[in-house]
Amino acid sequence: MPRSMSLKLACVVVLCLLVGALLAQGAISCVQVKYSLLPCVGYVRGNNAGPAPPDCCKGIRSLKSAARRRLDRQAACKCIKSLAADISDINYSVAAGLPGQCKVHIPYKISPSIDCKRVK
């Protein structure tokens, strides 16, 4: 096989491996969601009228930037619902206001009844 042909073949193989690795990464993990939102837990458990904690907003922005694909957003939604079910005394009105407080737009309302399959 000529040298230029083997170089082209090697490039194609490397490209296929990179694309495969990107596709195999899959959806966002619940561990990532949990640690991104952990600074928000104390805030959403009360009747807070003050500003959201800076670390909470940082976590929300980080989570939004990590969940770029629809499958990632749906996976994050499922994780949030699961985590919220394990936390007592969540004030969902406060939780629903967090994205606005943190100046982050999300295309759905935070609610315990959200259907994560419908998240776009």
PDB file of N, CA and C in Angstrom:
ATOM      1  N   MET A   1       0.862  -1.170   0.000  1.00  0.00           N
ATOM      2  CA  MET A   1       0.000   0.000   0.000  1.00  0.00           C
ATOM      3  C   MET A   1       0.910   1.235   0.000  1.00  0.00           C
ATOM      4  N   PRO A   2       0.664   2.193  -0.889  1.00  0.00           N
ATOM      5  CA  PRO A   2       1.480   3.406  -0.928  1.00  0.00           C
ATOM      6  C   PRO A   2       1.360   4.184   0.383  1.00  0.00           C
ATOM      7  N   ARG A   3       2.417   4.923   0.687  1.00  0.00           N
ATOM      8  CA  ARG A   3       2.480   5.666   1.947  1.00  0.00           C
ATOM      9  C   ARG A   3       1.330   6.668   2.081  1.00  0.00           C
ATOM     10  N   SER A   4       0.999   7.403   1.020  1.00  0.00           N
ATOM     11  CA  SER A   4      -0.075   8.395   1.088  1.00  0.00           C
ATOM     12  C   SER A   4      -1.428   7.730   1.338  1.00  0.00           C
ATOM     13  N   MET A   5      -1.609   6.544   0.787  1.00  0.00           N
ATOM     14  CA  MET A   5      -2.861   5.818   0.998  1.00  0.00           C
ATOM     15  C   MET A   5      -2.980   5.358   2.449  1.00  0.00           C
ATOM     16  N   SER A   6      -1.898   4.880   3.038  1.00  0.00           N
ATOM     17  CA  SER A   6      -1.953   4.429   4.431  1.00  0.00           C
ATOM     18  C   SER A   6      -2.140   5.617   5.381  1.00  0.00           C
ATOM     19  N   LEU A   7      -1.588   6.780   5.030  1.00  0.00           N
ATOM     20  CA  LEU A   7      -1.793   7.971   5.835  1.00  0.00           C
ATOM     21  C   LEU A   7      -3.255   8.402   5.798  1.00  0.00           C
ATOM     22  N   LYS A   8      -3.870   8.359   4.624  1.00  0.00           N
ATOM     23  CA  LYS A   8      -5.286   8.708   4.497  1.00  0.00           C
ATOM     24  C   LYS A   8      -6.149   7.735   5.301  1.00  0.00           C
ATOM     25  N   LEU A   9      -5.812   6.468   5.205  1.00  0.00           N
ATOM     26  CA  LEU A   9      -6.564   5.453   5.939  1.00  0.00           C
ATOM     27  C   LEU A   9      -6.440   5.678   7.446  1.00  0.00           C
ATOM     28  N   ALA A  10      -5.238   6.015   7.897  1.00  0.00           N
ATOM     29  CA  ALA A  10      -5.029   6.277   9.319  1.00  0.00           C
ATOM     30  C   ALA A  10      -5.851   7.490   9.771  1.00  0.00           C
ATOM     31  N   CYS A  11      -5.911   8.520   8.938  1.00  0.00           N
ATOM     32  CA  CYS A  11      -6.705   9.708   9.271  1.00  0.00           C
ATOM     33  C   CYS A  11      -8.190   9.367   9.371  1.00  0.00           C
ATOM     34  N   VAL A  12      -8.671   8.556   8.464  1.00  0.00           N
ATOM     35  CA  VAL A  12     -10.081   8.154   8.490  1.00  0.00           C
ATOM     36  C   VAL A  12     -10.375   7.345   9.758  1.00  0.00           C
ATOM     37  N   VAL A  13      -9.473   6.451  10.129  1.00  0.00           N
ATOM     38  CA  VAL A  13      -9.663   5.639  11.329  1.00  0.00           C
ATOM     39  C   VAL A  13      -9.699   6.537  12.570  1.00  0.00           C
ATOM     40  N   VAL A  14      -8.774   7.485  12.657  1.00  0.00           N
ATOM     41  CA  VAL A  14      -8.742   8.400  13.800  1.00  0.00           C
ATOM     42  C   VAL A  14     -10.027   9.224  13.858  1.00  0.00           C
ATOM     43  N   LEU A  15     -10.477   9.717  12.728  1.00  0.00           N
ATOM     44  CA  LEU A  15     -11.713  10.499  12.670  1.00  0.00           C
ATOM     45  C   LEU A  15     -12.897   9.658  13.146  1.00  0.00           C
ATOM     46  N   CYS A  16     -12.973   8.427  12.705  1.00  0.00           N
ATOM     47  CA  CYS A  16     -14.067   7.537  13.131  1.00  0.00           C
ATOM     48  C   CYS A  16     -14.017   7.288  14.637  1.00  0.00           C
ATOM     49  N   LEU A  17     -12.816   7.127  15.173  1.00  0.00           N
ATOM     50  CA  LEU A  17     -12.688   6.923  16.617  1.00  0.00           C
ATOM     51  C   LEU A  17     -13.139   8.158  17.396  1.00  0.00           C
ATOM     52  N   LEU A  18     -12.778   9.345  16.916  1.00  0.00           N
ATOM     53  CA  LEU A  18     -13.195  10.575  17.587  1.00  0.00           C
ATOM     54  C   LEU A  18     -14.708  10.750  17.561  1.00  0.00           C
ATOM     55  N   VAL A  19     -15.313  10.527  16.411  1.00  0.00           N
ATOM     56  CA  VAL A  19     -16.768  10.653  16.301  1.00  0.00           C
ATOM     57  C   VAL A  19     -17.452   9.621  17.191  1.00  0.00           C
ATOM     58  N   GLY A  20     -16.945   8.407  17.190  1.00  0.00           N
ATOM     59  CA  GLY A  20     -17.508   7.353  18.032  1.00  0.00           C
ATOM     60  C   GLY A  20     -17.402   7.697  19.506  1.00  0.00           C
ATOM     61  N   ALA A  21     -16.269   8.271  19.907  1.00  0.00           N
ATOM     62  CA  ALA A  21     -16.094   8.654  21.311  1.00  0.00           C
ATOM     63  C   ALA A  21     -17.077   9.753  21.695  1.00  0.00           C
ATOM     64  N   LEU A  22     -17.288  10.708  20.805  1.00  0.00           N
ATOM     65  CA  LEU A  22     -18.234  11.775  21.096  1.00  0.00           C
ATOM     66  C   LEU A  22     -19.656  11.240  21.223  1.00  0.00           C
ATOM     67  N   LEU A  23     -20.019  10.320  20.359  1.00  0.00           N
ATOM     68  CA  LEU A  23     -21.365   9.752  20.416  1.00  0.00           C
ATOM     69  C   LEU A  23     -21.537   8.857  21.641  1.00  0.00           C
ATOM     70  N   ALA A  24     -20.471   8.209  22.066  1.00  0.00           N
ATOM     71  CA  ALA A  24     -20.554   7.280  23.192  1.00  0.00           C
ATOM     72  C   ALA A  24     -20.621   7.992  24.531  1.00  0.00           C
ATOM     73  N   GLN A  25     -20.296   9.285  24.558  1.00  0.00           N
ATOM     74  CA  GLN A  25     -20.320  10.009  25.823  1.00  0.00           C
ATOM     75  C   GLN A  25     -21.703   9.988  26.451  1.00  0.00           C
ATOM     76  N   GLY A  26     -22.726   9.976  25.644  1.00  0.00           N
ATOM     77  CA  GLY A  26     -24.080   9.857  26.154  1.00  0.00           C
ATOM     78  C   GLY A  26     -24.561  11.093  26.869  1.00  0.00           C
ATOM     79  N   ALA A  27     -25.621  10.890  27.609  1.00  0.00           N
ATOM     80  CA  ALA A  27     -26.297  11.991  28.281  1.00  0.00           C
ATOM     81  C   ALA A  27     -25.521  12.422  29.523  1.00  0.00           C
ATOM     82  N   ILE A  28     -25.888  13.568  30.008  1.00  0.00           N
ATOM     83  CA  ILE A  28     -25.303  14.137  31.209  1.00  0.00           C
ATOM     84  C   ILE A  28     -25.570  13.193  32.380  1.00  0.00           C
ATOM     85  N   SER A  29     -24.652  13.123  33.329  1.00  0.00           N
ATOM     86  CA  SER A  29     -24.817  12.191  34.446  1.00  0.00           C
ATOM     87  C   SER A  29     -25.569  12.836  35.612  1.00  0.00           C
ATOM     88  N   CYS A  30     -26.235  12.008  36.393  1.00  0.00           N
ATOM     89  CA  CYS A  30     -26.949  12.513  37.567  1.00  0.00           C
ATOM     90  C   CYS A  30     -25.968  13.056  38.604  1.00  0.00           C
ATOM     91  N   VAL A  31     -24.767  12.505  38.644  1.00  0.00           N
ATOM     92  CA  VAL A  31     -23.756  13.015  39.571  1.00  0.00           C
ATOM     93  C   VAL A  31     -23.410  14.457  39.203  1.00  0.00           C
ATOM     94  N   GLN A  32     -23.254  14.721  37.918  1.00  0.00           N
ATOM     95  CA  GLN A  32     -22.959  16.082  37.453  1.00  0.00           C
ATOM     96  C   GLN A  32     -24.109  17.027  37.811  1.00  0.00           C
ATOM     97  N   VAL A  33     -25.338  16.586  37.606  1.00  0.00           N
ATOM     98  CA  VAL A  33     -26.518  17.399  37.938  1.00  0.00           C
ATOM     99  C   VAL A  33     -26.552  17.674  39.440  1.00  0.00           C
ATOM    100  N   LYS A  34     -26.346  16.640  40.231  1.00  0.00           N
ATOM    101  CA  LYS A  34     -26.401  16.770  41.691  1.00  0.00           C
ATOM    102  C   LYS A  34     -25.385  17.798  42.191  1.00  0.00           C
ATOM    103  N   TYR A  35     -24.151  17.687  41.745  1.00  0.00           N
ATOM    104  CA  TYR A  35     -23.120  18.603  42.241  1.00  0.00           C
ATOM    105  C   TYR A  35     -23.273  20.014  41.682  1.00  0.00           C
ATOM    106  N   SER A  36     -23.882  20.134  40.517  1.00  0.00           N
ATOM    107  CA  SER A  36     -24.142  21.476  39.977  1.00  0.00           C
ATOM    108  C   SER A  36     -25.201  22.199  40.796  1.00  0.00           C
ATOM    109  N   LEU A  37     -26.200  21.456  41.264  1.00  0.00           N
ATOM    110  CA  LEU A  37     -27.337  22.075  41.951  1.00  0.00           C
ATOM    111  C   LEU A  37     -27.264  22.011  43.469  1.00  0.00           C
ATOM    112  N   LEU A  38     -26.285  21.332  44.018  1.00  0.00           N
ATOM    113  CA  LEU A  38     -26.145  21.206  45.468  1.00  0.00           C
ATOM    114  C   LEU A  38     -26.148  22.561  46.186  1.00  0.00           C
ATOM    115  N   PRO A  39     -25.491  23.596  45.651  1.00  0.00           N
ATOM    116  CA  PRO A  39     -25.522  24.894  46.339  1.00  0.00           C
ATOM    117  C   PRO A  39     -26.913  25.546  46.378  1.00  0.00           C
ATOM    118  N   CYS A  40     -27.872  25.011  45.646  1.00  0.00           N
ATOM    119  CA  CYS A  40     -29.221  25.587  45.592  1.00  0.00           C
ATOM    120  C   CYS A  40     -30.174  24.978  46.619  1.00  0.00           C
ATOM    121  N   VAL A  41     -29.802  23.853  47.193  1.00  0.00           N
ATOM    122  CA  VAL A  41     -30.732  23.097  48.036  1.00  0.00           C
ATOM    123  C   VAL A  41     -31.249  23.916  49.216  1.00  0.00           C
ATOM    124  N   GLY A  42     -30.364  24.531  49.970  1.00  0.00           N
ATOM    125  CA  GLY A  42     -30.801  25.328  51.118  1.00  0.00           C
ATOM    126  C   GLY A  42     -31.723  26.462  50.708  1.00  0.00           C
ATOM    127  N   TYR A  43     -31.436  27.050  49.568  1.00  0.00           N
ATOM    128  CA  TYR A  43     -32.235  28.173  49.074  1.00  0.00           C
ATOM    129  C   TYR A  43     -33.658  27.744  48.718  1.00  0.00           C
ATOM    130  N   VAL A  44     -33.816  26.620  48.040  1.00  0.00           N
ATOM    131  CA  VAL A  44     -35.153  26.195  47.605  1.00  0.00           C
ATOM    132  C   VAL A  44     -35.962  25.519  48.712  1.00  0.00           C
ATOM    133  N   ARG A  45     -35.350  25.293  49.846  1.00  0.00           N
ATOM    134  CA  ARG A  45     -36.079  24.708  50.971  1.00  0.00           C
ATOM    135  C   ARG A  45     -36.776  25.758  51.811  1.00  0.00           C
ATOM    136  N   GLY A  46     -36.572  27.019  51.526  1.00  0.00           N
ATOM    137  CA  GLY A  46     -37.176  28.068  52.331  1.00  0.00           C
ATOM    138  C   GLY A  46     -38.071  28.962  51.499  1.00  0.00           C
ATOM    139  N   ASN A  47     -38.477  30.046  52.113  1.00  0.00           N
ATOM    140  CA  ASN A  47     -39.321  31.041  51.441  1.00  0.00           C
ATOM    141  C   ASN A  47     -38.476  32.249  51.075  1.00  0.00           C
ATOM    142  N   ASN A  48     -37.330  31.995  50.500  1.00  0.00           N
ATOM    143  CA  ASN A  48     -36.349  33.038  50.222  1.00  0.00           C
ATOM    144  C   ASN A  48     -36.865  34.074  49.244  1.00  0.00           C
ATOM    145  N   ALA A  49     -36.795  35.305  49.685  1.00  0.00           N
ATOM    146  CA  ALA A  49     -37.171  36.419  48.818  1.00  0.00           C
ATOM    147  C   ALA A  49     -35.925  37.137  48.328  1.00  0.00           C
ATOM    148  N   GLY A  50     -34.785  36.795  48.907  1.00  0.00           N
ATOM    149  CA  GLY A  50     -33.530  37.437  48.530  1.00  0.00           C
ATOM    150  C   GLY A  50     -32.959  36.828  47.260  1.00  0.00           C
ATOM    151  N   PRO A  51     -31.825  37.344  46.864  1.00  0.00           N
ATOM    152  CA  PRO A  51     -31.188  36.829  45.650  1.00  0.00           C
ATOM    153  C   PRO A  51     -30.679  35.398  45.849  1.00  0.00           C
ATOM    154  N   ALA A  52     -30.631  34.669  44.757  1.00  0.00           N
ATOM    155  CA  ALA A  52     -30.109  33.306  44.801  1.00  0.00           C
ATOM    156  C   ALA A  52     -28.616  33.344  45.120  1.00  0.00           C
ATOM    157  N   PRO A  53     -28.119  32.351  45.836  1.00  0.00           N
ATOM    158  CA  PRO A  53     -26.685  32.311  46.143  1.00  0.00           C
ATOM    159  C   PRO A  53     -25.850  32.259  44.864  1.00  0.00           C
ATOM    160  N   PRO A  54     -24.736  32.972  44.826  1.00  0.00           N
ATOM    161  CA  PRO A  54     -23.888  32.981  43.619  1.00  0.00           C
ATOM    162  C   PRO A  54     -23.443  31.591  43.183  1.00  0.00           C
ATOM    163  N   ASP A  55     -23.106  30.710  44.131  1.00  0.00           N
ATOM    164  CA  ASP A  55     -22.680  29.355  43.753  1.00  0.00           C
ATOM    165  C   ASP A  55     -23.826  28.558  43.142  1.00  0.00           C
ATOM    166  N   CYS A  56     -25.041  28.843  43.576  1.00  0.00           N
ATOM    167  CA  CYS A  56     -26.223  28.198  42.987  1.00  0.00           C
ATOM    168  C   CYS A  56     -26.348  28.619  41.523  1.00  0.00           C
ATOM    169  N   CYS A  57     -26.256  29.919  41.273  1.00  0.00           N
ATOM    170  CA  CYS A  57     -26.363  30.414  39.892  1.00  0.00           C
ATOM    171  C   CYS A  57     -25.229  29.879  39.024  1.00  0.00           C
ATOM    172  N   LYS A  58     -24.048  29.777  39.611  1.00  0.00           N
ATOM    173  CA  LYS A  58     -22.907  29.225  38.865  1.00  0.00           C
ATOM    174  C   LYS A  58     -23.205  27.778  38.461  1.00  0.00           C
ATOM    175  N   GLY A  59     -23.787  27.011  39.371  1.00  0.00           N
ATOM    176  CA  GLY A  59     -24.136  25.621  39.083  1.00  0.00           C
ATOM    177  C   GLY A  59     -25.209  25.508  38.016  1.00  0.00           C
ATOM    178  N   ILE A  60     -26.202  26.404  38.068  1.00  0.00           N
ATOM    179  CA  ILE A  60     -27.275  26.392  37.065  1.00  0.00           C
ATOM    180  C   ILE A  60     -26.715  26.730  35.691  1.00  0.00           C
ATOM    181  N   ARG A  61     -25.842  27.733  35.630  1.00  0.00           N
ATOM    182  CA  ARG A  61     -25.220  28.087  34.339  1.00  0.00           C
ATOM    183  C   ARG A  61     -24.356  26.950  33.819  1.00  0.00           C
ATOM    184  N   SER A  62     -23.621  26.316  34.705  1.00  0.00           N
ATOM    185  CA  SER A  62     -22.766  25.191  34.323  1.00  0.00           C
ATOM    186  C   SER A  62     -23.609  24.037  33.772  1.00  0.00           C
ATOM    187  N   LEU A  63     -24.707  23.753  34.448  1.00  0.00           N
ATOM    188  CA  LEU A  63     -25.591  22.672  34.007  1.00  0.00           C
ATOM    189  C   LEU A  63     -26.218  22.995  32.657  1.00  0.00           C
ATOM    190  N   LYS A  64     -26.636  24.243  32.479  1.00  0.00           N
ATOM    191  CA  LYS A  64     -27.239  24.626  31.200  1.00  0.00           C
ATOM    192  C   LYS A  64     -26.226  24.481  30.067  1.00  0.00           C
ATOM    193  N   SER A  65     -24.995  24.892  30.284  1.00  0.00           N
ATOM    194  CA  SER A  65     -24.002  24.793  29.215  1.00  0.00           C
ATOM    195  C   SER A  65     -23.618  23.334  28.947  1.00  0.00           C
ATOM    196  N   ALA A  66     -23.724  22.478  29.949  1.00  0.00           N
ATOM    197  CA  ALA A  66     -23.409  21.058  29.756  1.00  0.00           C
ATOM    198  C   ALA A  66     -24.538  20.316  29.045  1.00  0.00           C
ATOM    199  N   ALA A  67     -25.756  20.800  29.182  1.00  0.00           N
ATOM    200  CA  ALA A  67     -26.928  20.122  28.608  1.00  0.00           C
ATOM    201  C   ALA A  67     -27.335  20.810  27.305  1.00  0.00           C
ATOM    202  N   ARG A  68     -26.521  20.665  26.302  1.00  0.00           N
ATOM    203  CA  ARG A  68     -26.774  21.350  25.026  1.00  0.00           C
ATOM    204  C   ARG A  68     -27.711  20.582  24.105  1.00  0.00           C
ATOM    205  N   ARG A  69     -27.650  19.266  24.196  1.00  0.00           N
ATOM    206  CA  ARG A  69     -28.505  18.450  23.326  1.00  0.00           C
ATOM    207  C   ARG A  69     -29.811  18.110  24.042  1.00  0.00           C
ATOM    208  N   ARG A  70     -30.809  17.808  23.248  1.00  0.00           N
ATOM    209  CA  ARG A  70     -32.124  17.467  23.806  1.00  0.00           C
ATOM    210  C   ARG A  70     -32.035  16.290  24.782  1.00  0.00           C
ATOM    211  N   LEU A  71     -31.283  15.254  24.407  1.00  0.00           N
ATOM    212  CA  LEU A  71     -31.148  14.091  25.292  1.00  0.00           C
ATOM    213  C   LEU A  71     -30.490  14.475  26.613  1.00  0.00           C
ATOM    214  N   ASP A  72     -29.529  15.385  26.567  1.00  0.00           N
ATOM    215  CA  ASP A  72     -28.893  15.852  27.797  1.00  0.00           C
ATOM    216  C   ASP A  72     -29.894  16.598  28.672  1.00  0.00           C
ATOM    217  N   ARG A  73     -30.698  17.464  28.057  1.00  0.00           N
ATOM    218  CA  ARG A  73     -31.692  18.216  28.830  1.00  0.00           C
ATOM    219  C   ARG A  73     -32.734  17.279  29.435  1.00  0.00           C
ATOM    220  N   GLN A  74     -33.141  16.270  28.687  1.00  0.00           N
ATOM    221  CA  GLN A  74     -34.114  15.313  29.219  1.00  0.00           C
ATOM    222  C   GLN A  74     -33.501  14.496  30.355  1.00  0.00           C
ATOM    223  N   ALA A  75     -32.244  14.104  30.206  1.00  0.00           N
ATOM    224  CA  ALA A  75     -31.565  13.346  31.265  1.00  0.00           C
ATOM    225  C   ALA A  75     -31.412  14.212  32.513  1.00  0.00           C
ATOM    226  N   ALA A  76     -31.042  15.478  32.335  1.00  0.00           N
ATOM    227  CA  ALA A  76     -30.909  16.393  33.473  1.00  0.00           C
ATOM    228  C   ALA A  76     -32.258  16.568  34.164  1.00  0.00           C
ATOM    229  N   CYS A  77     -33.320  16.698  33.388  1.00  0.00           N
ATOM    230  CA  CYS A  77     -34.667  16.839  33.934  1.00  0.00           C
ATOM    231  C   CYS A  77     -35.019  15.628  34.805  1.00  0.00           C
ATOM    232  N   LYS A  78     -34.754  14.430  34.306  1.00  0.00           N
ATOM    233  CA  LYS A  78     -35.057  13.212  35.065  1.00  0.00           C
ATOM    234  C   LYS A  78     -34.245  13.158  36.357  1.00  0.00           C
ATOM    235  N   CYS A  79     -32.982  13.558  36.267  1.00  0.00           N
ATOM    236  CA  CYS A  79     -32.138  13.568  37.463  1.00  0.00           C
ATOM    237  C   CYS A  79     -32.656  14.566  38.488  1.00  0.00           C
ATOM    238  N   ILE A  80     -33.043  15.752  38.022  1.00  0.00           N
ATOM    239  CA  ILE A  80     -33.556  16.782  38.923  1.00  0.00           C
ATOM    240  C   ILE A  80     -34.822  16.292  39.614  1.00  0.00           C
ATOM    241  N   LYS A  81     -35.723  15.662  38.855  1.00  0.00           N
ATOM    242  CA  LYS A  81     -36.958  15.135  39.464  1.00  0.00           C
ATOM    243  C   LYS A  81     -36.641  14.080  40.511  1.00  0.00           C
ATOM    244  N   SER A  82     -35.693  13.213  40.207  1.00  0.00           N
ATOM    245  CA  SER A  82     -35.316  12.156  41.128  1.00  0.00           C
ATOM    246  C   SER A  82     -34.675  12.742  42.389  1.00  0.00           C
ATOM    247  N   LEU A  83     -33.782  13.691  42.207  1.00  0.00           N
ATOM    248  CA  LEU A  83     -33.129  14.325  43.351  1.00  0.00           C
ATOM    249  C   LEU A  83     -34.139  15.100  44.198  1.00  0.00           C
ATOM    250  N   ALA A  84     -35.049  15.798  43.547  1.00  0.00           N
ATOM    251  CA  ALA A  84     -36.051  16.599  44.262  1.00  0.00           C
ATOM    252  C   ALA A  84     -36.959  15.709  45.107  1.00  0.00           C
ATOM    253  N   ALA A  85     -37.237  14.511  44.628  1.00  0.00           N
ATOM    254  CA  ALA A  85     -38.090  13.585  45.376  1.00  0.00           C
ATOM    255  C   ALA A  85     -37.430  13.160  46.687  1.00  0.00           C
ATOM    256  N   ASP A  86     -36.092  13.223  46.732  1.00  0.00           N
ATOM    257  CA  ASP A  86     -35.356  12.822  47.933  1.00  0.00           C
ATOM    258  C   ASP A  86     -35.128  13.975  48.910  1.00  0.00           C
ATOM    259  N   ILE A  87     -35.525  15.191  48.530  1.00  0.00           N
ATOM    260  CA  ILE A  87     -35.310  16.362  49.388  1.00  0.00           C
ATOM    261  C   ILE A  87     -36.664  16.823  49.931  1.00  0.00           C
ATOM    262  N   SER A  88     -36.746  16.932  51.243  1.00  0.00           N
ATOM    263  CA  SER A  88     -38.012  17.368  51.837  1.00  0.00           C
ATOM    264  C   SER A  88     -38.121  18.886  51.826  1.00  0.00           C
ATOM    265  N   ASP A  89     -39.330  19.353  51.862  1.00  0.00           N
ATOM    266  CA  ASP A  89     -39.642  20.777  52.029  1.00  0.00           C
ATOM    267  C   ASP A  89     -39.169  21.685  50.897  1.00  0.00           C
ATOM    268  N   ILE A  90     -39.177  21.201  49.672  1.00  0.00           N
ATOM    269  CA  ILE A  90     -38.797  22.073  48.552  1.00  0.00           C
ATOM    270  C   ILE A  90     -39.938  23.039  48.273  1.00  0.00           C
ATOM    271  N   ASN A  91     -39.609  24.290  48.180  1.00  0.00           N
ATOM    272  CA  ASN A  91     -40.569  25.315  47.797  1.00  0.00           C
ATOM    273  C   ASN A  91     -40.458  25.461  46.274  1.00  0.00           C
ATOM    274  N   TYR A  92     -41.408  24.855  45.557  1.00  0.00           N
ATOM    275  CA  TYR A  92     -41.320  24.837  44.095  1.00  0.00           C
ATOM    276  C   TYR A  92     -41.523  26.214  43.472  1.00  0.00           C
ATOM    277  N   SER A  93     -42.155  27.118  44.183  1.00  0.00           N
ATOM    278  CA  SER A  93     -42.273  28.492  43.674  1.00  0.00           C
ATOM    279  C   SER A  93     -40.901  29.152  43.651  1.00  0.00           C
ATOM    280  N   VAL A  94     -40.140  28.935  44.714  1.00  0.00           N
ATOM    281  CA  VAL A  94     -38.777  29.469  44.772  1.00  0.00           C
ATOM    282  C   VAL A  94     -37.916  28.785  43.718  1.00  0.00           C
ATOM    283  N   ALA A  95     -38.034  27.458  43.604  1.00  0.00           N
ATOM    284  CA  ALA A  95     -37.247  26.713  42.621  1.00  0.00           C
ATOM    285  C   ALA A  95     -37.552  27.177  41.194  1.00  0.00           C
ATOM    286  N   ALA A  96     -38.822  27.416  40.916  1.00  0.00           N
ATOM    287  CA  ALA A  96     -39.211  27.857  39.569  1.00  0.00           C
ATOM    288  C   ALA A  96     -38.647  29.233  39.240  1.00  0.00           C
ATOM    289  N   GLY A  97     -38.388  30.036  40.267  1.00  0.00           N
ATOM    290  CA  GLY A  97     -37.845  31.373  40.042  1.00  0.00           C
ATOM    291  C   GLY A  97     -36.331  31.423  39.905  1.00  0.00           C
ATOM    292  N   LEU A  98     -35.651  30.318  40.205  1.00  0.00           N
ATOM    293  CA  LEU A  98     -34.190  30.316  40.151  1.00  0.00           C
ATOM    294  C   LEU A  98     -33.603  30.679  38.790  1.00  0.00           C
ATOM    295  N   PRO A  99     -34.079  30.091  37.698  1.00  0.00           N
ATOM    296  CA  PRO A  99     -33.480  30.459  36.404  1.00  0.00           C
ATOM    297  C   PRO A  99     -33.551  31.962  36.135  1.00  0.00           C
ATOM    298  N   GLY A 100     -34.674  32.574  36.438  1.00  0.00           N
ATOM    299  CA  GLY A 100     -34.807  34.017  36.241  1.00  0.00           C
ATOM    300  C   GLY A 100     -33.878  34.804  37.145  1.00  0.00           C
ATOM    301  N   GLN A 101     -33.780  34.371  38.400  1.00  0.00           N
ATOM    302  CA  GLN A 101     -32.875  35.036  39.340  1.00  0.00           C
ATOM    303  C   GLN A 101     -31.430  34.951  38.872  1.00  0.00           C
ATOM    304  N   CYS A 102     -31.101  33.831  38.251  1.00  0.00           N
ATOM    305  CA  CYS A 102     -29.723  33.613  37.795  1.00  0.00           C
ATOM    306  C   CYS A 102     -29.511  34.083  36.356  1.00  0.00           C
ATOM    307  N   LYS A 103     -30.555  34.669  35.782  1.00  0.00           N
ATOM    308  CA  LYS A 103     -30.501  35.173  34.398  1.00  0.00           C
ATOM    309  C   LYS A 103     -30.128  34.067  33.401  1.00  0.00           C
ATOM    310  N   VAL A 104     -30.781  32.920  33.588  1.00  0.00           N
ATOM    311  CA  VAL A 104     -30.596  31.763  32.714  1.00  0.00           C
ATOM    312  C   VAL A 104     -31.961  31.390  32.161  1.00  0.00           C
ATOM    313  N   HIS A 105     -32.071  31.307  30.840  1.00  0.00           N
ATOM    314  CA  HIS A 105     -33.348  30.934  30.221  1.00  0.00           C
ATOM    315  C   HIS A 105     -33.403  29.427  30.035  1.00  0.00           C
ATOM    316  N   ILE A 106     -34.465  28.822  30.547  1.00  0.00           N
ATOM    317  CA  ILE A 106     -34.722  27.412  30.248  1.00  0.00           C
ATOM    318  C   ILE A 106     -36.106  27.337  29.608  1.00  0.00           C
ATOM    319  N   PRO A 107     -36.285  26.432  28.657  1.00  0.00           N
ATOM    320  CA  PRO A 107     -37.533  26.408  27.888  1.00  0.00           C
ATOM    321  C   PRO A 107     -38.690  25.654  28.545  1.00  0.00           C
ATOM    322  N   TYR A 108     -38.676  25.501  29.854  1.00  0.00           N
ATOM    323  CA  TYR A 108     -39.767  24.828  30.551  1.00  0.00           C
ATOM    324  C   TYR A 108     -39.831  25.340  31.979  1.00  0.00           C
ATOM    325  N   LYS A 109     -40.969  25.105  32.631  1.00  0.00           N
ATOM    326  CA  LYS A 109     -41.166  25.537  34.015  1.00  0.00           C
ATOM    327  C   LYS A 109     -40.706  24.440  34.959  1.00  0.00           C
ATOM    328  N   ILE A 110     -39.994  24.823  35.988  1.00  0.00           N
ATOM    329  CA  ILE A 110     -39.564  23.857  36.997  1.00  0.00           C
ATOM    330  C   ILE A 110     -40.780  23.481  37.833  1.00  0.00           C
ATOM    331  N   SER A 111     -41.094  22.200  37.830  1.00  0.00           N
ATOM    332  CA  SER A 111     -42.282  21.715  38.509  1.00  0.00           C
ATOM    333  C   SER A 111     -42.120  20.224  38.792  1.00  0.00           C
ATOM    334  N   PRO A 112     -42.693  19.733  39.890  1.00  0.00           N
ATOM    335  CA  PRO A 112     -42.593  18.287  40.161  1.00  0.00           C
ATOM    336  C   PRO A 112     -43.399  17.456  39.167  1.00  0.00           C
ATOM    337  N   SER A 113     -44.290  18.080  38.416  1.00  0.00           N
ATOM    338  CA  SER A 113     -45.126  17.328  37.472  1.00  0.00           C
ATOM    339  C   SER A 113     -44.635  17.435  36.025  1.00  0.00           C
ATOM    340  N   ILE A 114     -43.459  17.991  35.807  1.00  0.00           N
ATOM    341  CA  ILE A 114     -42.969  18.147  34.441  1.00  0.00           C
ATOM    342  C   ILE A 114     -42.761  16.784  33.787  1.00  0.00           C
ATOM    343  N   ASP A 115     -43.109  16.685  32.537  1.00  0.00           N
ATOM    344  CA  ASP A 115     -42.883  15.480  31.753  1.00  0.00           C
ATOM    345  C   ASP A 115     -41.556  15.660  31.025  1.00  0.00           C
ATOM    346  N   CYS A 116     -40.524  15.015  31.518  1.00  0.00           N
ATOM    347  CA  CYS A 116     -39.173  15.204  30.978  1.00  0.00           C
ATOM    348  C   CYS A 116     -39.060  14.753  29.520  1.00  0.00           C
ATOM    349  N   LYS A 117     -39.922  13.868  29.074  1.00  0.00           N
ATOM    350  CA  LYS A 117     -39.889  13.427  27.677  1.00  0.00           C
ATOM    351  C   LYS A 117     -40.276  14.564  26.733  1.00  0.00           C
ATOM    352  N   ARG A 118     -40.988  15.562  27.256  1.00  0.00           N
ATOM    353  CA  ARG A 118     -41.438  16.677  26.422  1.00  0.00           C
ATOM    354  C   ARG A 118     -40.461  17.858  26.418  1.00  0.00           C
ATOM    355  N   VAL A 119     -39.399  17.753  27.216  1.00  0.00           N
ATOM    356  CA  VAL A 119     -38.380  18.810  27.262  1.00  0.00           C
ATOM    357  C   VAL A 119     -37.648  18.805  25.934  1.00  0.00           C
ATOM    358  N   LYS A 120     -37.553  19.988  25.335  1.00  0.00           N
ATOM    359  CA  LYS A 120     -36.887  20.087  24.022  1.00  0.00           C
ATOM    360  C   LYS A 120     -35.494  20.608  24.141  1.00  0.00           C
TER     361      LYS A 120
END
